[in-house]
Amino acid sequence: MARFTTLTSRVVLLPVNDIDTDQIIPARFLKTTDKAGLGKSLFADWRYEADGSPKPGFVLNQPGAAGAQVLLAGDNFGCGSSREHAPWALTGFGFRAVVSTSFADIFKNNALKNGLIPVTVDAAAHAELVAALAKAPAAEVTVDLASQTITLPGGRRVTFPIDPFSRTCLLEGVDELGFILKHEAQIAGHERRAAAGAA
């Protein structure tokens, strides 16, 4: 998993409430167990015409979306089914963080395990960010995982919650297995002592 420390990026504005995982990555793309290439299917039904051509009006097809690593969504992002393909598609497109006023719990957990930061902010901070992007679409935010803050375009820093274990794994760039393997020597020592005590 890619290490996450601090990210400064432009923001893609998609302030729609209740975006579910089937909208993030439609079910027809779930046959694969490989993350590679899923970014092109992100928001496929909103992003493409029936013939596969891009819909010019959709935000991901706008020039400003290219290279942006932060998505600003509406409330209750990632609701619906528990497909891990949703964060795969978001990271495959290039997003490293999603900002919302709330996330579905299963989506949030899947995101954290795949290097995608769910940044939960209150309604006032969300509205401030939407207004700032309306005035200056190329404005940037900074997500600092160590301090658990997002710095808005106007300079205000807002804290966001994240569970300590996920934060540690992301800062170190390891998944759950990688975290365990880092403690292999201590685990082996414990097993030796347990075996000796049982003898």
C-alpha atoms as a PDB file:
ATOM      1  CA  MET A   1       0.000   0.000   0.000  1.00  0.00           C
ATOM      2  CA  ALA A   2       1.278   3.471  -0.848  1.00  0.00           C
ATOM      3  CA  ARG A   3       2.443   5.533   2.130  1.00  0.00           C
ATOM      4  CA  PHE A   4       0.284   8.571   2.936  1.00  0.00           C
ATOM      5  CA  THR A   5       1.650  11.570   4.819  1.00  0.00           C
ATOM      6  CA  THR A   6       0.619  14.944   3.387  1.00  0.00           C
ATOM      7  CA  LEU A   7      -1.222  15.659   0.159  1.00  0.00           C
ATOM      8  CA  THR A   8      -1.857  19.018  -1.510  1.00  0.00           C
ATOM      9  CA  SER A   9      -4.184  18.830  -4.488  1.00  0.00           C
ATOM     10  CA  ARG A  10      -6.931  20.409  -6.515  1.00  0.00           C
ATOM     11  CA  VAL A  11     -10.418  19.120  -5.754  1.00  0.00           C
ATOM     12  CA  VAL A  12     -13.092  17.511  -7.915  1.00  0.00           C
ATOM     13  CA  LEU A  13     -16.487  18.804  -6.779  1.00  0.00           C
ATOM     14  CA  LEU A  14     -19.303  16.239  -6.824  1.00  0.00           C
ATOM     15  CA  PRO A  15     -21.597  17.418  -3.980  1.00  0.00           C
ATOM     16  CA  VAL A  16     -24.279  14.739  -4.468  1.00  0.00           C
ATOM     17  CA  ASN A  17     -25.752  13.101  -1.349  1.00  0.00           C
ATOM     18  CA  ASP A  18     -26.121   9.331  -0.922  1.00  0.00           C
ATOM     19  CA  ILE A  19     -23.714   8.279  -3.680  1.00  0.00           C
ATOM     20  CA  ASP A  20     -23.788   4.511  -3.364  1.00  0.00           C
ATOM     21  CA  THR A  21     -21.188   1.964  -4.355  1.00  0.00           C
ATOM     22  CA  ASP A  22     -23.161   0.912  -7.445  1.00  0.00           C
ATOM     23  CA  GLN A  23     -22.867   4.480  -8.726  1.00  0.00           C
ATOM     24  CA  ILE A  24     -19.171   4.563  -7.842  1.00  0.00           C
ATOM     25  CA  ILE A  25     -18.525   1.293  -9.708  1.00  0.00           C
ATOM     26  CA  PRO A  26     -21.510  -0.423 -11.379  1.00  0.00           C
ATOM     27  CA  ALA A  27     -22.037  -4.120 -10.654  1.00  0.00           C
ATOM     28  CA  ARG A  28     -21.122  -5.227 -14.180  1.00  0.00           C
ATOM     29  CA  PHE A  29     -17.492  -4.351 -13.437  1.00  0.00           C
ATOM     30  CA  LEU A  30     -17.249  -6.554 -10.342  1.00  0.00           C
ATOM     31  CA  LYS A  31     -16.188  -9.748 -12.117  1.00  0.00           C
ATOM     32  CA  THR A  32     -12.529  -8.805 -11.847  1.00  0.00           C
ATOM     33  CA  THR A  33     -10.384  -9.432  -8.779  1.00  0.00           C
ATOM     34  CA  ASP A  34      -7.638  -7.201 -10.182  1.00  0.00           C
ATOM     35  CA  LYS A  35      -7.504  -3.510  -9.270  1.00  0.00           C
ATOM     36  CA  ALA A  36      -5.718  -2.566 -12.482  1.00  0.00           C
ATOM     37  CA  GLY A  37      -7.776  -0.502 -14.900  1.00  0.00           C
ATOM     38  CA  LEU A  38     -10.815   0.034 -12.653  1.00  0.00           C
ATOM     39  CA  GLY A  39     -10.254   3.793 -12.661  1.00  0.00           C
ATOM     40  CA  LYS A  40     -11.667   4.032 -16.176  1.00  0.00           C
ATOM     41  CA  SER A  41     -14.957   2.551 -14.889  1.00  0.00           C
ATOM     42  CA  LEU A  42     -15.341   4.986 -11.979  1.00  0.00           C
ATOM     43  CA  PHE A  43     -18.850   6.527 -12.096  1.00  0.00           C
ATOM     44  CA  ALA A  44     -19.271   4.792 -15.467  1.00  0.00           C
ATOM     45  CA  ASP A  45     -23.031   5.321 -15.793  1.00  0.00           C
ATOM     46  CA  TRP A  46     -22.671   9.048 -15.051  1.00  0.00           C
ATOM     47  CA  ARG A  47     -19.460   9.448 -17.008  1.00  0.00           C
ATOM     48  CA  TYR A  48     -20.187   7.746 -20.347  1.00  0.00           C
ATOM     49  CA  GLU A  49     -22.918   7.678 -22.981  1.00  0.00           C
ATOM     50  CA  ALA A  50     -24.445   4.339 -24.013  1.00  0.00           C
ATOM     51  CA  ASP A  51     -21.961   4.140 -26.884  1.00  0.00           C
ATOM     52  CA  GLY A  52     -19.027   4.573 -24.484  1.00  0.00           C
ATOM     53  CA  SER A  53     -18.217   8.161 -25.403  1.00  0.00           C
ATOM     54  CA  PRO A  54     -17.567  10.577 -22.511  1.00  0.00           C
ATOM     55  CA  LYS A  55     -20.434  12.814 -21.377  1.00  0.00           C
ATOM     56  CA  PRO A  56     -18.977  16.318 -21.749  1.00  0.00           C
ATOM     57  CA  GLY A  57     -20.916  17.728 -18.801  1.00  0.00           C
ATOM     58  CA  PHE A  58     -19.786  15.210 -16.188  1.00  0.00           C
ATOM     59  CA  VAL A  59     -17.186  16.555 -13.785  1.00  0.00           C
ATOM     60  CA  LEU A  60     -14.601  13.782 -14.269  1.00  0.00           C
ATOM     61  CA  ASN A  61     -14.580  14.541 -17.991  1.00  0.00           C
ATOM     62  CA  GLN A  62     -13.688  18.190 -17.411  1.00  0.00           C
ATOM     63  CA  PRO A  63     -10.052  19.260 -17.925  1.00  0.00           C
ATOM     64  CA  GLY A  64      -9.791  20.392 -14.294  1.00  0.00           C
ATOM     65  CA  ALA A  65     -10.340  16.862 -13.030  1.00  0.00           C
ATOM     66  CA  ALA A  66      -7.124  15.567 -14.582  1.00  0.00           C
ATOM     67  CA  GLY A  67      -4.551  15.031 -11.863  1.00  0.00           C
ATOM     68  CA  ALA A  68      -6.830  16.011  -8.976  1.00  0.00           C
ATOM     69  CA  GLN A  69      -6.397  13.669  -6.025  1.00  0.00           C
ATOM     70  CA  VAL A  70      -9.220  14.847  -3.751  1.00  0.00           C
ATOM     71  CA  LEU A  71     -12.947  14.297  -4.339  1.00  0.00           C
ATOM     72  CA  LEU A  72     -15.483  16.467  -2.514  1.00  0.00           C
ATOM     73  CA  ALA A  73     -18.741  14.535  -2.268  1.00  0.00           C
ATOM     74  CA  GLY A  74     -22.085  15.052  -0.555  1.00  0.00           C
ATOM     75  CA  ASP A  75     -23.378  13.413   2.616  1.00  0.00           C
ATOM     76  CA  ASN A  76     -23.442   9.627   3.183  1.00  0.00           C
ATOM     77  CA  PHE A  77     -20.814   8.770   0.576  1.00  0.00           C
ATOM     78  CA  GLY A  78     -20.283   5.092  -0.216  1.00  0.00           C
ATOM     79  CA  CYS A  79     -23.608   3.762   1.009  1.00  0.00           C
ATOM     80  CA  GLY A  80     -25.081   0.583  -0.477  1.00  0.00           C
ATOM     81  CA  SER A  81     -23.308  -2.725  -0.959  1.00  0.00           C
ATOM     82  CA  SER A  82     -19.941  -3.526   0.562  1.00  0.00           C
ATOM     83  CA  ARG A  83     -17.909  -3.871  -2.630  1.00  0.00           C
ATOM     84  CA  GLU A  84     -14.180  -3.235  -2.194  1.00  0.00           C
ATOM     85  CA  HIS A  85     -14.092  -2.357  -5.902  1.00  0.00           C
ATOM     86  CA  ALA A  86     -15.428   1.122  -4.997  1.00  0.00           C
ATOM     87  CA  PRO A  87     -12.210   2.355  -3.347  1.00  0.00           C
ATOM     88  CA  TRP A  88     -10.228   0.432  -5.997  1.00  0.00           C
ATOM     89  CA  ALA A  89     -11.957   2.472  -8.711  1.00  0.00           C
ATOM     90  CA  LEU A  90     -11.447   5.760  -6.857  1.00  0.00           C
ATOM     91  CA  THR A  91      -7.735   5.134  -6.276  1.00  0.00           C
ATOM     92  CA  GLY A  92      -7.416   3.781  -9.805  1.00  0.00           C
ATOM     93  CA  PHE A  93      -8.598   7.137 -11.122  1.00  0.00           C
ATOM     94  CA  GLY A  94      -6.025   8.873  -8.957  1.00  0.00           C
ATOM     95  CA  PHE A  95      -7.951   9.954  -5.854  1.00  0.00           C
ATOM     96  CA  ARG A  96      -6.148   9.655  -2.520  1.00  0.00           C
ATOM     97  CA  ALA A  97      -8.831  11.309  -0.361  1.00  0.00           C
ATOM     98  CA  VAL A  98     -12.598  11.830  -0.360  1.00  0.00           C
ATOM     99  CA  VAL A  99     -14.156  14.643   1.684  1.00  0.00           C
ATOM    100  CA  SER A 100     -17.731  14.290   2.934  1.00  0.00           C
ATOM    101  CA  THR A 101     -19.887  15.055   5.950  1.00  0.00           C
ATOM    102  CA  SER A 102     -20.365  11.304   6.493  1.00  0.00           C
ATOM    103  CA  PHE A 103     -19.376   7.950   5.034  1.00  0.00           C
ATOM    104  CA  ALA A 104     -20.967   4.523   5.119  1.00  0.00           C
ATOM    105  CA  ASP A 105     -19.030   2.451   7.656  1.00  0.00           C
ATOM    106  CA  ILE A 106     -18.165  -0.454   5.350  1.00  0.00           C
ATOM    107  CA  PHE A 107     -16.989   1.883   2.598  1.00  0.00           C
ATOM    108  CA  LYS A 108     -14.876   3.816   5.103  1.00  0.00           C
ATOM    109  CA  ASN A 109     -13.172   0.636   6.313  1.00  0.00           C
ATOM    110  CA  ASN A 110     -12.560  -0.592   2.757  1.00  0.00           C
ATOM    111  CA  ALA A 111     -11.152   2.809   1.801  1.00  0.00           C
ATOM    112  CA  LEU A 112      -8.687   2.864   4.683  1.00  0.00           C
ATOM    113  CA  LYS A 113      -7.451  -0.632   3.816  1.00  0.00           C
ATOM    114  CA  ASN A 114      -6.768   0.528   0.257  1.00  0.00           C
ATOM    115  CA  GLY A 115      -4.919   3.775   0.889  1.00  0.00           C
ATOM    116  CA  LEU A 116      -7.896   6.109   0.383  1.00  0.00           C
ATOM    117  CA  ILE A 117      -8.459   8.667   3.166  1.00  0.00           C
ATOM    118  CA  PRO A 118     -12.111   9.346   4.117  1.00  0.00           C
ATOM    119  CA  VAL A 119     -12.020  12.920   5.426  1.00  0.00           C
ATOM    120  CA  THR A 120     -15.136  13.618   7.493  1.00  0.00           C
ATOM    121  CA  VAL A 121     -15.875  17.312   8.054  1.00  0.00           C
ATOM    122  CA  ASP A 122     -18.826  19.129   9.568  1.00  0.00           C
ATOM    123  CA  ALA A 123     -21.501  20.817   7.467  1.00  0.00           C
ATOM    124  CA  ALA A 124     -20.003  24.292   7.914  1.00  0.00           C
ATOM    125  CA  ALA A 125     -16.549  23.251   6.693  1.00  0.00           C
ATOM    126  CA  HIS A 126     -18.128  21.338   3.809  1.00  0.00           C
ATOM    127  CA  ALA A 127     -20.173  24.388   2.768  1.00  0.00           C
ATOM    128  CA  GLU A 128     -17.078  26.595   3.049  1.00  0.00           C
ATOM    129  CA  LEU A 129     -15.144  24.280   0.756  1.00  0.00           C
ATOM    130  CA  VAL A 130     -17.988  24.083  -1.789  1.00  0.00           C
ATOM    131  CA  ALA A 131     -18.218  27.906  -1.824  1.00  0.00           C
ATOM    132  CA  ALA A 132     -14.439  28.277  -2.203  1.00  0.00           C
ATOM    133  CA  LEU A 133     -14.384  25.904  -5.170  1.00  0.00           C
ATOM    134  CA  ALA A 134     -17.336  27.701  -6.772  1.00  0.00           C
ATOM    135  CA  LYS A 135     -15.261  30.908  -6.714  1.00  0.00           C
ATOM    136  CA  ALA A 136     -11.921  29.305  -7.611  1.00  0.00           C
ATOM    137  CA  PRO A 137     -12.306  25.828  -9.166  1.00  0.00           C
ATOM    138  CA  ALA A 138      -8.528  25.322  -9.248  1.00  0.00           C
ATOM    139  CA  ALA A 139      -8.157  25.965  -5.502  1.00  0.00           C
ATOM    140  CA  GLU A 140      -6.224  23.401  -3.503  1.00  0.00           C
ATOM    141  CA  VAL A 141      -6.593  21.725  -0.132  1.00  0.00           C
ATOM    142  CA  THR A 142      -3.953  20.010   1.989  1.00  0.00           C
ATOM    143  CA  VAL A 143      -4.699  16.762   3.780  1.00  0.00           C
ATOM    144  CA  ASP A 144      -2.223  16.055   6.595  1.00  0.00           C
ATOM    145  CA  LEU A 145      -2.681  12.578   8.015  1.00  0.00           C
ATOM    146  CA  ALA A 146      -0.184  12.972  10.855  1.00  0.00           C
ATOM    147  CA  SER A 147      -2.107  15.927  12.313  1.00  0.00           C
ATOM    148  CA  GLN A 148      -5.459  14.649  11.014  1.00  0.00           C
ATOM    149  CA  THR A 149      -6.258  18.008   9.441  1.00  0.00           C
ATOM    150  CA  ILE A 150      -7.451  19.351   6.125  1.00  0.00           C
ATOM    151  CA  THR A 151      -6.470  22.910   5.243  1.00  0.00           C
ATOM    152  CA  LEU A 152      -9.189  24.659   3.243  1.00  0.00           C
ATOM    153  CA  PRO A 153      -8.399  27.126   0.427  1.00  0.00           C
ATOM    154  CA  GLY A 154      -8.885  30.082   2.782  1.00  0.00           C
ATOM    155  CA  GLY A 155      -6.271  28.696   5.172  1.00  0.00           C
ATOM    156  CA  ARG A 156      -8.571  27.329   7.882  1.00  0.00           C
ATOM    157  CA  ARG A 157      -7.457  23.974   9.266  1.00  0.00           C
ATOM    158  CA  VAL A 158     -10.170  21.476  10.151  1.00  0.00           C
ATOM    159  CA  THR A 159      -9.537  18.251  12.059  1.00  0.00           C
ATOM    160  CA  PHE A 160     -10.985  14.928  10.967  1.00  0.00           C
ATOM    161  CA  PRO A 161     -11.258  11.584  12.783  1.00  0.00           C
ATOM    162  CA  ILE A 162      -9.480   8.391  11.823  1.00  0.00           C
ATOM    163  CA  ASP A 163      -8.932   5.226  13.823  1.00  0.00           C
ATOM    164  CA  PRO A 164      -5.383   4.989  15.207  1.00  0.00           C
ATOM    165  CA  PHE A 165      -4.509   1.600  13.685  1.00  0.00           C
ATOM    166  CA  SER A 166      -5.505   2.664  10.159  1.00  0.00           C
ATOM    167  CA  ARG A 167      -3.619   5.940  10.610  1.00  0.00           C
ATOM    168  CA  THR A 168      -0.461   4.049  11.634  1.00  0.00           C
ATOM    169  CA  CYS A 169      -0.716   1.655   8.679  1.00  0.00           C
ATOM    170  CA  LEU A 170      -1.241   4.505   6.204  1.00  0.00           C
ATOM    171  CA  LEU A 171       1.613   6.595   7.582  1.00  0.00           C
ATOM    172  CA  GLU A 172       3.917   3.563   7.367  1.00  0.00           C
ATOM    173  CA  GLY A 173       2.581   2.390   3.997  1.00  0.00           C
ATOM    174  CA  VAL A 174       1.684  -1.112   5.164  1.00  0.00           C
ATOM    175  CA  ASP A 175      -1.517  -3.141   5.132  1.00  0.00           C
ATOM    176  CA  GLU A 176      -2.657  -5.295   8.074  1.00  0.00           C
ATOM    177  CA  LEU A 177      -0.428  -8.213   7.048  1.00  0.00           C
ATOM    178  CA  GLY A 178       2.527  -5.904   6.540  1.00  0.00           C
ATOM    179  CA  PHE A 179       1.995  -4.469  10.031  1.00  0.00           C
ATOM    180  CA  ILE A 180       2.016  -7.970  11.535  1.00  0.00           C
ATOM    181  CA  LEU A 181       5.147  -8.943   9.602  1.00  0.00           C
ATOM    182  CA  LYS A 182       6.965  -5.917  11.007  1.00  0.00           C
ATOM    183  CA  HIS A 183       6.575  -7.561  14.429  1.00  0.00           C
ATOM    184  CA  GLU A 184       7.619 -11.024  13.293  1.00  0.00           C
ATOM    185  CA  ALA A 185      10.581 -11.203  15.688  1.00  0.00           C
ATOM    186  CA  GLN A 186       8.433 -10.310  18.707  1.00  0.00           C
ATOM    187  CA  ILE A 187       5.758 -12.805  17.659  1.00  0.00           C
ATOM    188  CA  ALA A 188       8.358 -15.563  17.229  1.00  0.00           C
ATOM    189  CA  GLY A 189       9.801 -14.754  20.674  1.00  0.00           C
ATOM    190  CA  HIS A 190       6.366 -14.952  22.241  1.00  0.00           C
ATOM    191  CA  GLU A 191       5.712 -18.318  20.571  1.00  0.00           C
ATOM    192  CA  ARG A 192       9.050 -19.673  21.866  1.00  0.00           C
ATOM    193  CA  ARG A 193       8.297 -18.530  25.399  1.00  0.00           C
ATOM    194  CA  ALA A 194       4.779 -19.977  25.228  1.00  0.00           C
ATOM    195  CA  ALA A 195       6.112 -23.301  23.971  1.00  0.00           C
ATOM    196  CA  ALA A 196       8.766 -23.395  26.716  1.00  0.00           C
ATOM    197  CA  GLY A 197       6.173 -22.667  29.389  1.00  0.00           C
ATOM    198  CA  ALA A 198       3.944 -25.464  28.137  1.00  0.00           C
ATOM    199  CA  ALA A 199       6.771 -28.004  28.183  1.00  0.00           C
END
